[in-house]
Amino acid sequence: MIKSKLMSQAQIFEKIKMIPVAYQQEVEDFIDFILQKKTKTESEENKKRKIGLLKGKMKMSPDFDEPLNDFKDYI
């Protein structure tokens, strides 16, 4: 199985060699794009928020839902 993978990579390298130099740069840019996309996806998976991470660390005052004194004239 590994041998067939190496052969396909060798075939890809041979095809790249046949491409004019100007287009080889585009191939390299595309490879860089794919690698960057893969890295972004992996880093985004690692950054997912964990549910309950701040549980017990924040407190709300008992009068949180009470109207503010500043708005008494409007109520």
N, C-alpha and C. Protein backbone atom coordinates (compact mmCIF):
# COMPACT_ATOMS: atom_id res chain seq x y z
N MET A 1 0.82 -1.19 0.00
CA MET A 1 0.00 0.00 0.00
C MET A 1 0.87 1.26 0.00
N ILE A 2 1.92 1.28 0.78
CA ILE A 2 2.81 2.44 0.82
C ILE A 2 3.48 2.64 -0.53
N LYS A 3 3.84 1.55 -1.19
CA LYS A 3 4.52 1.64 -2.47
C LYS A 3 3.65 2.35 -3.51
N SER A 4 2.35 2.04 -3.54
CA SER A 4 1.47 2.68 -4.50
C SER A 4 1.34 4.18 -4.21
N LYS A 5 1.35 4.56 -2.93
CA LYS A 5 1.31 5.96 -2.58
C LYS A 5 2.54 6.69 -3.08
N LEU A 6 3.71 6.08 -2.90
CA LEU A 6 4.94 6.70 -3.36
C LEU A 6 4.97 6.82 -4.87
N MET A 7 4.43 5.83 -5.56
CA MET A 7 4.38 5.90 -7.01
C MET A 7 3.51 7.05 -7.47
N SER A 8 2.37 7.23 -6.83
CA SER A 8 1.49 8.31 -7.24
C SER A 8 2.15 9.67 -6.96
N GLN A 9 2.89 9.77 -5.87
CA GLN A 9 3.60 11.02 -5.60
C GLN A 9 4.68 11.25 -6.65
N ALA A 10 5.37 10.19 -7.03
CA ALA A 10 6.40 10.32 -8.06
C ALA A 10 5.77 10.76 -9.38
N GLN A 11 4.60 10.22 -9.70
CA GLN A 11 3.90 10.61 -10.92
C GLN A 11 3.51 12.09 -10.86
N ILE A 12 3.08 12.53 -9.71
CA ILE A 12 2.72 13.94 -9.54
C ILE A 12 3.94 14.82 -9.76
N PHE A 13 5.06 14.44 -9.17
CA PHE A 13 6.30 15.22 -9.34
C PHE A 13 6.71 15.29 -10.81
N GLU A 14 6.57 14.19 -11.52
CA GLU A 14 6.91 14.16 -12.94
C GLU A 14 6.00 15.09 -13.74
N LYS A 15 4.73 15.08 -13.40
CA LYS A 15 3.79 15.97 -14.10
C LYS A 15 4.12 17.43 -13.83
N ILE A 16 4.48 17.73 -12.58
CA ILE A 16 4.83 19.11 -12.23
C ILE A 16 6.06 19.55 -13.01
N LYS A 17 7.02 18.66 -13.20
CA LYS A 17 8.23 18.98 -13.96
C LYS A 17 7.91 19.33 -15.41
N MET A 18 6.83 18.75 -15.94
CA MET A 18 6.46 19.00 -17.34
C MET A 18 5.73 20.34 -17.52
N ILE A 19 5.24 20.91 -16.44
CA ILE A 19 4.51 22.18 -16.51
C ILE A 19 5.52 23.31 -16.73
N PRO A 20 5.18 24.29 -17.57
CA PRO A 20 6.06 25.45 -17.73
C PRO A 20 6.31 26.14 -16.37
N VAL A 21 7.48 26.74 -16.23
CA VAL A 21 7.91 27.32 -14.96
C VAL A 21 6.88 28.32 -14.41
N ALA A 22 6.30 29.12 -15.26
CA ALA A 22 5.32 30.12 -14.82
C ALA A 22 4.13 29.44 -14.13
N TYR A 23 3.73 28.30 -14.61
CA TYR A 23 2.60 27.58 -14.01
C TYR A 23 3.01 26.78 -12.79
N GLN A 24 4.27 26.43 -12.69
CA GLN A 24 4.75 25.72 -11.51
C GLN A 24 4.55 26.58 -10.27
N GLN A 25 4.71 27.88 -10.42
CA GLN A 25 4.48 28.78 -9.29
C GLN A 25 3.03 28.72 -8.84
N GLU A 26 2.11 28.61 -9.79
CA GLU A 26 0.69 28.49 -9.44
C GLU A 26 0.42 27.20 -8.69
N VAL A 27 1.09 26.13 -9.11
CA VAL A 27 0.93 24.84 -8.43
C VAL A 27 1.44 24.97 -6.99
N GLU A 28 2.59 25.61 -6.84
CA GLU A 28 3.14 25.80 -5.49
C GLU A 28 2.21 26.64 -4.63
N ASP A 29 1.65 27.70 -5.20
CA ASP A 29 0.70 28.54 -4.47
C ASP A 29 -0.53 27.74 -4.04
N PHE A 30 -1.00 26.88 -4.94
CA PHE A 30 -2.17 26.07 -4.62
C PHE A 30 -1.86 25.09 -3.49
N ILE A 31 -0.69 24.50 -3.52
CA ILE A 31 -0.28 23.58 -2.45
C ILE A 31 -0.21 24.33 -1.12
N ASP A 32 0.37 25.53 -1.14
CA ASP A 32 0.43 26.34 0.08
C ASP A 32 -0.97 26.67 0.59
N PHE A 33 -1.89 26.97 -0.33
CA PHE A 33 -3.27 27.27 0.04
C PHE A 33 -3.91 26.07 0.73
N ILE A 34 -3.72 24.89 0.17
CA ILE A 34 -4.30 23.67 0.76
C ILE A 34 -3.72 23.43 2.15
N LEU A 35 -2.41 23.58 2.29
CA LEU A 35 -1.77 23.36 3.58
C LEU A 35 -2.26 24.38 4.62
N GLN A 36 -2.43 25.62 4.21
CA GLN A 36 -2.92 26.67 5.11
C GLN A 36 -4.35 26.37 5.53
N LYS A 37 -5.17 25.93 4.58
CA LYS A 37 -6.56 25.60 4.86
C LYS A 37 -6.64 24.45 5.87
N LYS A 38 -5.79 23.44 5.69
CA LYS A 38 -5.75 22.30 6.59
C LYS A 38 -5.33 22.74 7.99
N THR A 39 -4.33 23.59 8.08
CA THR A 39 -3.84 24.08 9.36
C THR A 39 -4.90 24.91 10.06
N LYS A 40 -5.62 25.75 9.30
CA LYS A 40 -6.69 26.57 9.88
C LYS A 40 -7.77 25.69 10.48
N THR A 41 -8.17 24.66 9.73
CA THR A 41 -9.23 23.77 10.19
C THR A 41 -8.82 23.08 11.48
N GLU A 42 -7.58 22.62 11.56
CA GLU A 42 -7.11 21.94 12.76
C GLU A 42 -7.05 22.90 13.94
N SER A 43 -6.60 24.14 13.71
CA SER A 43 -6.50 25.09 14.81
C SER A 43 -7.89 25.54 15.26
N GLU A 44 -8.85 25.62 14.35
CA GLU A 44 -10.22 25.99 14.72
C GLU A 44 -10.84 24.91 15.58
N GLU A 45 -10.53 23.65 15.30
CA GLU A 45 -11.06 22.56 16.11
C GLU A 45 -10.51 22.64 17.53
N ASN A 46 -9.27 23.05 17.67
CA ASN A 46 -8.66 23.16 18.99
C ASN A 46 -9.19 24.36 19.77
N LYS A 47 -9.77 25.37 19.09
CA LYS A 47 -10.25 26.58 19.73
C LYS A 47 -11.72 26.52 20.11
N LYS A 48 -12.39 25.40 19.92
CA LYS A 48 -13.81 25.32 20.24
C LYS A 48 -14.02 25.62 21.72
N ARG A 49 -15.08 26.37 22.01
CA ARG A 49 -15.39 26.72 23.38
C ARG A 49 -15.87 25.51 24.15
N LYS A 50 -15.50 25.46 25.40
CA LYS A 50 -15.93 24.36 26.26
C LYS A 50 -17.11 24.85 27.09
N ILE A 51 -18.18 24.11 27.09
CA ILE A 51 -19.39 24.47 27.82
C ILE A 51 -19.12 24.40 29.32
N GLY A 52 -19.53 25.43 30.04
CA GLY A 52 -19.40 25.45 31.49
C GLY A 52 -18.03 25.85 31.98
N LEU A 53 -17.20 26.37 31.12
CA LEU A 53 -15.84 26.73 31.49
C LEU A 53 -15.80 27.79 32.60
N LEU A 54 -16.74 28.73 32.58
CA LEU A 54 -16.76 29.81 33.57
C LEU A 54 -17.80 29.60 34.66
N LYS A 55 -18.35 28.41 34.76
CA LYS A 55 -19.39 28.15 35.75
C LYS A 55 -18.87 28.46 37.15
N GLY A 56 -19.64 29.26 37.89
CA GLY A 56 -19.28 29.61 39.26
C GLY A 56 -18.29 30.76 39.35
N LYS A 57 -17.83 31.30 38.25
CA LYS A 57 -16.85 32.38 38.28
C LYS A 57 -17.50 33.75 38.13
N MET A 58 -18.76 33.79 37.72
CA MET A 58 -19.45 35.07 37.53
C MET A 58 -20.67 35.10 38.45
N LYS A 59 -20.93 36.28 39.01
CA LYS A 59 -22.10 36.42 39.88
C LYS A 59 -22.89 37.64 39.44
N MET A 60 -24.22 37.55 39.55
CA MET A 60 -25.09 38.67 39.24
C MET A 60 -25.72 39.14 40.54
N SER A 61 -25.89 40.43 40.64
CA SER A 61 -26.49 40.97 41.86
C SER A 61 -27.96 40.57 41.92
N PRO A 62 -28.51 40.45 43.13
CA PRO A 62 -29.91 40.03 43.26
C PRO A 62 -30.90 40.99 42.59
N ASP A 63 -30.54 42.26 42.48
CA ASP A 63 -31.45 43.23 41.88
C ASP A 63 -31.15 43.46 40.39
N PHE A 64 -30.57 42.51 39.75
CA PHE A 64 -30.18 42.64 38.34
C PHE A 64 -31.36 43.02 37.44
N ASP A 65 -32.51 42.42 37.67
CA ASP A 65 -33.68 42.65 36.81
C ASP A 65 -34.49 43.89 37.21
N GLU A 66 -34.14 44.53 38.28
CA GLU A 66 -34.88 45.71 38.75
C GLU A 66 -34.60 46.89 37.82
N PRO A 67 -35.58 47.78 37.65
CA PRO A 67 -35.36 48.97 36.80
C PRO A 67 -34.28 49.88 37.40
N LEU A 68 -33.55 50.54 36.55
CA LEU A 68 -32.51 51.46 36.98
C LEU A 68 -33.12 52.76 37.47
N ASN A 69 -32.53 53.37 38.47
CA ASN A 69 -33.02 54.64 39.01
C ASN A 69 -33.02 55.73 37.92
N ASP A 70 -32.10 55.67 37.01
CA ASP A 70 -32.01 56.67 35.96
C ASP A 70 -33.26 56.70 35.08
N PHE A 71 -33.99 55.61 35.02
CA PHE A 71 -35.16 55.53 34.14
C PHE A 71 -36.50 55.62 34.89
N LYS A 72 -36.46 55.98 36.17
CA LYS A 72 -37.70 56.06 36.95
C LYS A 72 -38.71 57.03 36.33
N ASP A 73 -38.22 58.11 35.74
CA ASP A 73 -39.14 59.09 35.14
C ASP A 73 -39.89 58.53 33.93
N TYR A 74 -39.37 57.52 33.33
CA TYR A 74 -39.99 56.96 32.11
C TYR A 74 -40.89 55.78 32.38
N ILE A 75 -40.89 55.29 33.60
CA ILE A 75 -41.69 54.09 33.91
C ILE A 75 -43.02 54.47 34.51
